Amino acid sequence: MYKRQDMSEVRYVDEIFLQDIKRTKETIRSSIAKTISENIQRMRKTPNRPKGMGYFDEIAHFFGRHVEAGRKVIAMLCNFAPVELIYAADAVPMRLCAGFYDTVPIADRLISDTCLCPLTKSTLGVKLLRLSPFSNLCDVVICPGTCDGKVKLGEVLEDVVKTWKMAVPHTKEEPRLKKLWLDEVVEIKKKIERLTKRKISREKLRYAIELVSLARRAFCRLLETRKVVPPPISGRDAMLVAQTFLYDDIKRWTRKVEELCGELEARVKQGIGICESETPRIMLAGSPIIWPNWKIPNIVEESGAVIVCDELCSGIRYLYDPVIVDEWTMDDMLSAVAERYLLPSTCPCFTPNDKRVDRLLQMIEEFKVDGVVYHVLHGCHLYNVEFISVKRALKRENVPVYMIESEYGKMDIGQIKTRIEAFIELIRGVG
């Protein structure tokens, strides 16, 4: 077994730090559980909140969740890890990225770089503390090389869990780079087979592709209801549904999403929404927003607006595009999986990235968006620089946009709230 159970073996940890971890672990666990409960209680105050959200509220409590004995758990630090290959080997996929405020100071003790994004530090803190039952069980972490923070996070994590690197090309259109990415996907397939001791056959891969396609189709059905004025579900709830995808059994998750969609569609026919028709409709874009870091969504929707869509790798982007297979041969399926995780992606790691602006404008029209809140985590340089082109494009289309830079924590809530309230009032004035 590769995993080192003795934290004293970790080269980044000294004895004093190890003692501090043992003293603070339960305090942090309690604080995280409290934050999760507080967020759910705030969301439950939404008028006409769908009853079907009760199930996803339960999944949102990470603690107490279990994985079936004997199944390998494969964690991922980014959307480029092909989840179909994981399911094809009967393994359990899990997103390792964390949205916990309380684990950031743990990583700060190890990493003195104040410009490193808090998502990266929170994730490292969770793993070092062994706080999450999912991260405790993971046998390997797939680390796609999208940003510097996650590249180096993968290196640090090697001391506590096995890691597999994936080289993501930063230009998508060149044939040689597409071939390199396909080679990366094929190599990950081989590693998954060795880890699980299960051969990914043509039949198993087809089954996995169709399994995930059903989940994505259910989520897209939910998206259609958000285009209605007024929407029958809040943005916070829809984002929670999306993020529980990698914390639940996929068949059960798909079934529960379909049940929720049935409830939402019935409400649409009855004209029941969660807000008034004239409520400003907001799109969230920018850096990933990971549960339970619901600071920005809470402020937006509690300031008199409703989030009707997002362009986040932690939201719609992950579940939107299907794997399109022409012929069900192994080579064709692997090529289709590789293309699905590369070509439609609008991650700012790509250059040029004109398709991201096109996608934003398309969604603004489809979801009748009145304004865009562009969220940037402190130290998230890719999304910060990308805002230049996004702002220019939205200005040409006369779409109001406001950038908010945030840390993990509550210190900046008052300032952000004031700014978002002013932005929403601006939108009301334009309308």
Protein backbone atom coordinates (compact mmCIF):
# COMPACT_ATOMS: atom_id res chain seq x y z
CA MET A 1 0.00 0.00 0.00
CA TYR A 2 1.48 3.32 -1.03
CA LYS A 3 -0.32 5.57 1.47
CA ARG A 4 1.77 6.65 4.43
CA GLN A 5 -0.34 6.45 7.57
CA ASP A 6 2.30 8.01 9.82
CA MET A 7 2.22 11.79 9.31
CA SER A 8 5.67 12.12 10.85
CA GLU A 9 7.04 10.69 7.61
CA VAL A 10 5.81 13.69 5.66
CA ARG A 11 8.76 15.91 4.83
CA TYR A 12 6.63 19.08 5.03
CA VAL A 13 5.56 18.41 8.63
CA ASP A 14 7.58 18.95 11.82
CA GLU A 15 6.80 17.48 15.24
CA ILE A 16 5.30 20.70 16.68
CA PHE A 17 3.01 21.00 13.67
CA LEU A 18 1.96 17.36 14.07
CA GLN A 19 0.95 17.97 17.69
CA ASP A 20 -1.02 21.08 16.72
CA ILE A 21 -2.92 19.07 14.12
CA LYS A 22 -3.98 16.47 16.69
CA ARG A 23 -5.20 19.18 19.07
CA THR A 24 -7.21 21.14 16.50
CA LYS A 25 -8.70 18.39 14.31
CA GLU A 26 -11.96 17.91 16.22
CA THR A 27 -12.40 21.67 16.67
CA ILE A 28 -12.08 22.17 12.92
CA ARG A 29 -14.39 19.25 12.17
CA SER A 30 -17.08 20.79 14.39
CA SER A 31 -16.63 24.18 12.76
CA ILE A 32 -16.99 22.72 9.26
CA ALA A 33 -20.11 20.77 10.23
CA LYS A 34 -21.56 23.98 11.66
CA THR A 35 -20.80 25.91 8.45
CA ILE A 36 -22.51 23.23 6.35
CA SER A 37 -25.60 23.26 8.57
CA GLU A 38 -25.77 27.07 8.56
CA ASN A 39 -25.60 27.17 4.75
CA ILE A 40 -28.35 24.57 4.40
CA GLN A 41 -30.56 26.46 6.86
CA ARG A 42 -30.08 29.67 4.85
CA MET A 43 -31.03 27.87 1.64
CA ARG A 44 -34.11 26.39 3.27
CA LYS A 45 -35.43 29.91 3.79
CA THR A 46 -35.83 30.29 0.01
CA PRO A 47 -39.54 30.84 -0.78
CA ASN A 48 -41.16 27.79 -2.39
CA ARG A 49 -37.98 25.75 -2.08
CA PRO A 50 -38.42 22.38 -3.86
CA LYS A 51 -39.04 19.45 -1.53
CA GLY A 52 -36.69 17.35 -3.64
CA MET A 53 -33.73 19.35 -2.31
CA GLY A 54 -34.03 17.52 1.01
CA TYR A 55 -32.08 14.58 -0.39
CA PHE A 56 -29.21 16.76 -1.63
CA ASP A 57 -29.09 18.52 1.74
CA GLU A 58 -28.30 15.12 3.27
CA ILE A 59 -25.55 14.37 0.76
CA ALA A 60 -24.02 17.79 1.45
CA HIS A 61 -23.06 16.63 4.95
CA PHE A 62 -19.72 14.98 4.13
CA PHE A 63 -19.20 13.35 7.50
CA GLY A 64 -20.65 9.91 7.99
CA ARG A 65 -20.57 8.97 4.29
CA HIS A 66 -19.15 5.55 3.41
CA VAL A 67 -17.84 3.74 0.34
CA GLU A 68 -18.67 0.13 -0.42
CA ALA A 69 -15.91 -2.17 0.83
CA GLY A 70 -13.47 -3.42 -1.77
CA ARG A 71 -13.98 -0.58 -4.27
CA LYS A 72 -11.06 1.69 -5.06
CA VAL A 73 -11.57 5.44 -4.60
CA ILE A 74 -9.97 7.70 -7.20
CA ALA A 75 -9.91 11.38 -6.33
CA MET A 76 -9.36 14.21 -8.78
CA LEU A 77 -8.16 17.78 -8.51
CA CYS A 78 -9.70 19.02 -11.74
CA ASN A 79 -12.40 18.37 -14.34
CA PHE A 80 -9.95 16.91 -16.84
CA ALA A 81 -9.87 13.54 -15.09
CA PRO A 82 -12.08 11.21 -17.21
CA VAL A 83 -14.74 9.94 -14.82
CA GLU A 84 -16.02 7.40 -17.40
CA LEU A 85 -12.79 5.39 -17.10
CA ILE A 86 -13.15 5.32 -13.31
CA TYR A 87 -16.68 3.96 -13.49
CA ALA A 88 -15.65 1.46 -16.17
CA ALA A 89 -13.26 -0.13 -13.65
CA ASP A 90 -15.98 -0.16 -10.95
CA ALA A 91 -14.03 2.40 -8.93
CA VAL A 92 -15.48 5.39 -7.08
CA PRO A 93 -14.66 8.90 -8.38
CA MET A 94 -14.43 11.81 -5.97
CA ARG A 95 -13.57 15.50 -6.27
CA LEU A 96 -10.87 16.34 -3.74
CA CYS A 97 -11.09 20.14 -4.00
CA ALA A 98 -12.23 21.66 -0.70
CA GLY A 99 -14.30 24.69 0.22
CA PHE A 100 -13.47 24.67 3.95
CA TYR A 101 -12.26 27.91 5.54
CA ASP A 102 -10.85 26.29 8.68
CA THR A 103 -8.27 24.11 6.94
CA VAL A 104 -6.52 27.01 5.17
CA PRO A 105 -4.44 27.97 8.27
CA ILE A 106 -3.14 24.39 8.44
CA ALA A 107 -1.69 24.70 4.94
CA ASP A 108 -0.47 28.23 5.72
CA ARG A 109 1.83 26.67 8.32
CA LEU A 110 3.47 24.68 5.55
CA ILE A 111 3.24 27.08 2.60
CA SER A 112 4.27 30.64 3.25
CA ASP A 113 3.12 31.92 -0.17
CA THR A 114 0.29 34.34 0.61
CA CYS A 115 -0.59 34.54 -3.10
CA LEU A 116 -1.44 30.85 -3.42
CA CYS A 117 -5.16 30.36 -3.96
CA PRO A 118 -7.15 29.38 -0.86
CA LEU A 119 -8.83 26.46 -2.63
CA THR A 120 -5.44 24.79 -3.01
CA LYS A 121 -4.52 25.45 0.62
CA SER A 122 -7.90 24.30 1.92
CA THR A 123 -7.59 21.04 -0.02
CA LEU A 124 -4.12 20.38 1.35
CA GLY A 125 -5.31 21.12 4.89
CA VAL A 126 -8.20 18.66 4.57
CA LYS A 127 -5.88 15.90 3.42
CA LEU A 128 -3.29 16.54 6.11
CA LEU A 129 -5.96 16.53 8.81
CA ARG A 130 -7.72 13.48 7.34
CA LEU A 131 -10.98 15.34 7.90
CA SER A 132 -13.07 14.09 5.01
CA PRO A 133 -14.14 10.42 4.97
CA PHE A 134 -13.81 10.53 1.19
CA SER A 135 -10.25 11.89 1.15
CA ASN A 136 -9.29 9.38 3.85
CA LEU A 137 -10.41 6.51 1.64
CA CYS A 138 -8.93 7.68 -1.66
CA ASP A 139 -6.31 5.33 -3.09
CA VAL A 140 -4.96 7.77 -5.65
CA VAL A 141 -5.37 11.37 -6.74
CA ILE A 142 -5.39 12.39 -10.42
CA CYS A 143 -3.65 15.76 -10.81
CA PRO A 144 -4.18 17.42 -14.21
CA GLY A 145 -1.67 20.22 -14.80
CA THR A 146 -4.02 23.16 -15.33
CA CYS A 147 -2.62 25.75 -12.91
CA ASP A 148 0.57 26.16 -10.91
CA GLY A 149 -1.25 25.75 -7.60
CA LYS A 150 -2.69 22.34 -8.45
CA VAL A 151 0.53 21.17 -10.08
CA LYS A 152 2.47 21.82 -6.89
CA LEU A 153 -0.39 20.61 -4.69
CA GLY A 154 -0.11 17.25 -6.43
CA GLU A 155 3.59 17.21 -5.61
CA VAL A 156 2.98 17.91 -1.91
CA LEU A 157 0.20 15.32 -1.73
CA GLU A 158 2.60 12.63 -2.93
CA ASP A 159 3.78 12.33 0.67
CA VAL A 160 0.38 11.18 1.90
CA VAL A 161 -1.30 9.55 -1.10
CA LYS A 162 -0.35 8.17 -4.48
CA THR A 163 -0.72 10.76 -7.27
CA TRP A 164 -1.01 10.49 -11.04
CA LYS A 165 -0.13 13.51 -13.16
CA MET A 166 -1.92 14.43 -16.38
CA ALA A 167 -0.27 16.87 -18.78
CA VAL A 168 -2.99 19.17 -20.12
CA PRO A 169 -2.05 20.89 -23.41
CA HIS A 170 -2.65 24.63 -23.33
CA THR A 171 -3.53 24.79 -27.03
CA LYS A 172 -6.39 22.55 -28.17
CA GLU A 173 -6.46 22.81 -31.94
CA GLU A 174 -3.03 21.43 -32.94
CA PRO A 175 -3.27 17.76 -34.02
CA ARG A 176 -0.03 16.79 -32.25
CA LEU A 177 -1.32 18.19 -28.94
CA LYS A 178 -4.64 16.41 -29.35
CA LYS A 179 -2.65 13.22 -29.83
CA LEU A 180 -0.62 13.92 -26.70
CA TRP A 181 -3.82 14.38 -24.72
CA LEU A 182 -5.26 11.14 -26.07
CA ASP A 183 -2.04 9.42 -24.96
CA GLU A 184 -2.57 10.87 -21.47
CA VAL A 185 -6.10 9.45 -21.34
CA VAL A 186 -4.93 6.04 -22.54
CA GLU A 187 -2.17 6.04 -19.92
CA ILE A 188 -4.66 6.91 -17.15
CA LYS A 189 -6.81 3.99 -18.33
CA LYS A 190 -3.86 1.63 -17.91
CA LYS A 191 -3.08 2.99 -14.44
CA ILE A 192 -6.71 2.59 -13.35
CA GLU A 193 -6.66 -1.01 -14.58
CA ARG A 194 -3.49 -1.76 -12.62
CA LEU A 195 -4.85 -0.12 -9.47
CA THR A 196 -8.23 -1.85 -9.54
CA LYS A 197 -6.96 -5.09 -11.08
CA ARG A 198 -9.90 -4.84 -13.47
CA LYS A 199 -9.66 -4.80 -17.24
CA ILE A 200 -11.63 -1.96 -18.85
CA SER A 201 -13.28 -3.85 -21.68
CA ARG A 202 -15.18 -2.37 -24.59
CA GLU A 203 -18.47 -3.41 -22.96
CA LYS A 204 -17.58 -1.88 -19.60
CA LEU A 205 -16.44 1.39 -21.12
CA ARG A 206 -19.60 1.67 -23.21
CA TYR A 207 -21.69 0.99 -20.10
CA ALA A 208 -19.79 3.71 -18.17
CA ILE A 209 -20.17 6.26 -20.97
CA GLU A 210 -23.92 5.64 -21.14
CA LEU A 211 -24.18 5.71 -17.34
CA VAL A 212 -22.54 9.14 -17.09
CA SER A 213 -24.50 10.38 -20.12
CA LEU A 214 -27.75 9.64 -18.28
CA ALA A 215 -26.55 11.70 -15.32
CA ARG A 216 -25.55 14.60 -17.57
CA ARG A 217 -28.88 14.41 -19.41
CA ALA A 218 -30.74 14.64 -16.10
CA PHE A 219 -28.70 17.68 -15.10
CA CYS A 220 -29.34 19.37 -18.45
CA ARG A 221 -33.05 18.78 -17.88
CA LEU A 222 -32.69 20.69 -14.61
CA LEU A 223 -30.90 23.50 -16.46
CA GLU A 224 -33.86 23.94 -18.78
CA THR A 225 -36.12 24.78 -15.85
CA ARG A 226 -33.73 27.58 -14.79
CA LYS A 227 -34.38 29.39 -18.06
CA VAL A 228 -37.97 30.06 -16.99
CA VAL A 229 -39.00 33.45 -15.56
CA PRO A 230 -39.20 33.20 -12.59
CA PRO A 231 -37.03 30.08 -12.05
CA PRO A 232 -38.46 27.26 -9.88
CA ILE A 233 -35.10 26.63 -8.16
CA SER A 234 -32.46 28.91 -6.68
CA GLY A 235 -28.91 29.09 -7.99
CA ARG A 236 -27.53 27.90 -4.67
CA ASP A 237 -29.66 24.77 -4.78
CA ALA A 238 -28.79 24.02 -8.40
CA MET A 239 -25.08 24.43 -7.63
CA LEU A 240 -25.40 22.05 -4.69
CA VAL A 241 -27.06 19.45 -6.91
CA ALA A 242 -24.17 19.70 -9.36
CA GLN A 243 -21.50 19.30 -6.72
CA THR A 244 -23.07 16.29 -5.01
CA PHE A 245 -22.57 14.38 -8.27
CA LEU A 246 -19.11 13.29 -7.13
CA TYR A 247 -20.18 12.53 -3.54
CA ASP A 248 -23.02 10.12 -4.25
CA ASP A 249 -23.80 6.88 -6.03
CA ILE A 250 -24.28 7.94 -9.65
CA LYS A 251 -27.44 5.90 -10.27
CA ARG A 252 -29.08 7.22 -7.12
CA TRP A 253 -27.96 10.78 -7.90
CA THR A 254 -29.42 10.56 -11.41
CA ARG A 255 -32.70 9.19 -10.11
CA LYS A 256 -32.98 11.94 -7.49
CA VAL A 257 -32.21 14.65 -10.08
CA GLU A 258 -34.91 13.25 -12.36
CA GLU A 259 -37.38 13.31 -9.45
CA LEU A 260 -36.40 16.90 -8.67
CA CYS A 261 -36.87 17.86 -12.32
CA GLY A 262 -40.36 16.37 -12.29
CA GLU A 263 -41.22 18.56 -9.31
CA LEU A 264 -39.69 21.65 -10.94
CA GLU A 265 -41.48 21.12 -14.25
CA ALA A 266 -44.79 20.75 -12.43
CA ARG A 267 -44.12 24.04 -10.64
CA VAL A 268 -43.30 25.76 -13.93
CA LYS A 269 -46.70 24.72 -15.30
CA GLN A 270 -48.34 26.14 -12.18
CA GLY A 271 -46.35 29.36 -12.41
CA ILE A 272 -44.62 28.76 -9.05
CA GLY A 273 -41.16 30.32 -8.76
CA ILE A 274 -38.74 31.01 -5.94
CA CYS A 275 -38.75 34.78 -6.58
CA GLU A 276 -40.65 37.53 -8.35
CA SER A 277 -40.56 37.78 -12.15
CA GLU A 278 -38.68 41.11 -12.07
CA THR A 279 -35.88 39.75 -9.83
CA PRO A 280 -32.47 40.46 -11.45
CA ARG A 281 -31.09 37.31 -13.09
CA ILE A 282 -27.38 36.75 -12.39
CA MET A 283 -24.73 34.54 -13.96
CA LEU A 284 -21.74 33.47 -11.84
CA ALA A 285 -18.44 33.11 -13.67
CA GLY A 286 -14.76 32.85 -12.79
CA SER A 287 -12.93 30.77 -10.19
CA PRO A 288 -14.50 27.55 -8.88
CA ILE A 289 -16.88 27.89 -5.94
CA ILE A 290 -16.68 24.71 -3.87
CA TRP A 291 -19.23 23.69 -1.22
CA PRO A 292 -19.52 24.82 1.55
CA ASN A 293 -17.77 28.06 0.48
CA TRP A 294 -21.19 29.49 -0.40
CA LYS A 295 -20.20 33.05 0.49
CA ILE A 296 -20.73 34.60 -2.95
CA PRO A 297 -23.93 32.67 -3.85
CA ASN A 298 -25.42 33.47 -0.43
CA ILE A 299 -24.70 37.18 -0.76
CA VAL A 300 -26.05 37.39 -4.33
CA GLU A 301 -29.33 35.62 -3.61
CA GLU A 302 -29.87 37.26 -0.23
CA SER A 303 -29.33 40.69 -1.80
CA GLY A 304 -32.41 40.53 -4.01
CA ALA A 305 -31.13 38.65 -7.09
CA VAL A 306 -31.31 35.06 -8.34
CA ILE A 307 -28.50 33.03 -9.89
CA VAL A 308 -29.90 31.41 -13.03
CA CYS A 309 -26.70 29.90 -14.44
CA ASP A 310 -22.95 29.71 -13.97
CA GLU A 311 -19.84 29.27 -16.07
CA LEU A 312 -17.84 27.52 -13.37
CA CYS A 313 -15.76 24.35 -13.56
CA SER A 314 -17.45 23.44 -10.26
CA GLY A 315 -20.90 23.86 -11.77
CA ILE A 316 -22.51 23.63 -15.18
CA ARG A 317 -19.27 23.20 -17.10
CA TYR A 318 -18.50 19.81 -15.55
CA LEU A 319 -21.86 18.22 -16.32
CA TYR A 320 -22.91 19.94 -19.53
CA ASP A 321 -21.08 18.34 -22.47
CA PRO A 322 -21.68 14.64 -23.28
CA VAL A 323 -19.26 12.09 -24.69
CA ILE A 324 -20.20 11.74 -28.36
CA VAL A 325 -19.34 8.33 -29.81
CA ASP A 326 -19.57 7.52 -33.51
CA GLU A 327 -18.66 3.84 -33.35
CA TRP A 328 -18.55 1.73 -30.19
CA THR A 329 -15.02 0.43 -30.73
CA MET A 330 -12.46 0.81 -27.95
CA ASP A 331 -10.33 3.25 -29.97
CA ASP A 332 -13.32 5.38 -30.92
CA MET A 333 -14.65 5.47 -27.37
CA LEU A 334 -11.26 6.48 -25.95
CA SER A 335 -10.96 9.20 -28.59
CA ALA A 336 -14.47 10.42 -27.78
CA VAL A 337 -13.70 10.54 -24.04
CA ALA A 338 -10.46 12.43 -24.68
CA GLU A 339 -12.21 14.94 -26.97
CA ARG A 340 -15.01 15.51 -24.47
CA TYR A 341 -12.59 16.56 -21.73
CA LEU A 342 -10.49 18.76 -24.02
CA LEU A 343 -12.34 20.42 -26.88
CA PRO A 344 -15.49 21.82 -25.17
CA SER A 345 -13.54 22.98 -22.12
CA THR A 346 -13.38 26.74 -21.59
CA CYS A 347 -10.81 26.58 -18.78
CA PRO A 348 -8.60 29.71 -18.79
CA CYS A 349 -5.52 27.48 -18.95
CA PHE A 350 -6.11 27.42 -22.72
CA THR A 351 -4.79 29.98 -25.14
CA PRO A 352 -6.41 31.24 -27.23
CA ASN A 353 -9.69 30.85 -25.34
CA ASP A 354 -12.23 32.64 -27.54
CA LYS A 355 -14.75 29.83 -27.07
CA ARG A 356 -15.17 30.82 -23.45
CA VAL A 357 -16.43 34.28 -24.40
CA ASP A 358 -18.72 32.71 -27.01
CA ARG A 359 -20.09 30.31 -24.40
CA LEU A 360 -20.69 33.13 -21.92
CA LEU A 361 -22.63 35.17 -24.47
CA GLN A 362 -24.67 32.13 -25.52
CA MET A 363 -25.66 31.39 -21.92
CA ILE A 364 -26.49 35.04 -21.24
CA GLU A 365 -29.02 34.90 -24.06
CA GLU A 366 -30.43 31.44 -23.22
CA PHE A 367 -30.89 32.13 -19.50
CA LYS A 368 -32.00 35.77 -19.93
CA VAL A 369 -29.13 37.02 -17.77
CA ASP A 370 -29.28 40.64 -16.56
CA GLY A 371 -25.74 40.81 -15.17
CA VAL A 372 -22.59 38.78 -14.49
CA VAL A 373 -20.78 38.45 -11.17
CA TYR A 374 -17.24 37.38 -12.02
CA HIS A 375 -15.66 35.72 -8.99
CA VAL A 376 -11.87 35.47 -8.60
CA LEU A 377 -10.19 33.69 -5.71
CA HIS A 378 -7.21 35.56 -4.31
CA GLY A 379 -4.15 34.20 -6.11
CA CYS A 380 -6.13 32.65 -8.98
CA HIS A 381 -4.08 34.30 -11.71
CA LEU A 382 -5.61 32.48 -14.69
CA TYR A 383 -9.14 33.70 -14.02
CA ASN A 384 -7.88 37.14 -13.03
CA VAL A 385 -6.14 37.67 -16.37
CA GLU A 386 -9.04 36.08 -18.27
CA PHE A 387 -11.37 38.77 -16.91
CA ILE A 388 -9.80 41.27 -19.33
CA SER A 389 -11.26 39.55 -22.40
CA VAL A 390 -14.53 38.71 -20.65
CA LYS A 391 -15.09 42.30 -19.55
CA ARG A 392 -14.33 43.62 -23.03
CA ALA A 393 -16.78 41.20 -24.68
CA LEU A 394 -19.58 41.86 -22.20
CA LYS A 395 -19.11 45.62 -22.52
CA ARG A 396 -19.61 45.33 -26.29
CA GLU A 397 -22.92 43.55 -25.63
CA ASN A 398 -23.98 46.05 -22.93
CA VAL A 399 -24.09 43.30 -20.28
CA PRO A 400 -23.26 44.60 -16.78
CA VAL A 401 -20.37 42.72 -15.15
CA TYR A 402 -18.68 43.11 -11.79
CA MET A 403 -15.54 41.34 -10.58
CA ILE A 404 -15.29 40.25 -6.95
CA GLU A 405 -11.99 38.99 -5.52
CA SER A 406 -12.35 36.91 -2.38
CA GLU A 407 -10.47 34.80 0.14
CA TYR A 408 -11.67 31.77 2.09
CA GLY A 409 -13.14 33.22 5.26
CA LYS A 410 -15.69 35.67 6.62
CA MET A 411 -13.50 38.76 6.96
CA ASP A 412 -14.51 40.24 3.60
CA ILE A 413 -18.25 39.42 3.72
CA GLY A 414 -19.33 42.97 4.62
CA GLN A 415 -17.29 44.55 1.85
CA ILE A 416 -18.44 42.04 -0.77
CA LYS A 417 -22.07 42.40 0.32
CA THR A 418 -21.94 46.18 -0.11
CA ARG A 419 -20.47 45.87 -3.59
CA ILE A 420 -22.87 43.20 -4.81
CA GLU A 421 -25.89 45.09 -3.47
CA ALA A 422 -24.72 48.18 -5.37
CA PHE A 423 -24.26 46.08 -8.54
CA ILE A 424 -27.77 44.64 -8.23
CA GLU A 425 -29.23 48.12 -7.76
CA LEU A 426 -27.36 49.19 -10.90
CA ILE A 427 -28.98 46.34 -12.82
CA ARG A 428 -32.42 47.30 -11.51
CA GLY A 429 -31.80 50.86 -12.70
CA VAL A 430 -30.76 49.69 -16.17
CA GLY A 431 -33.81 47.44 -16.36
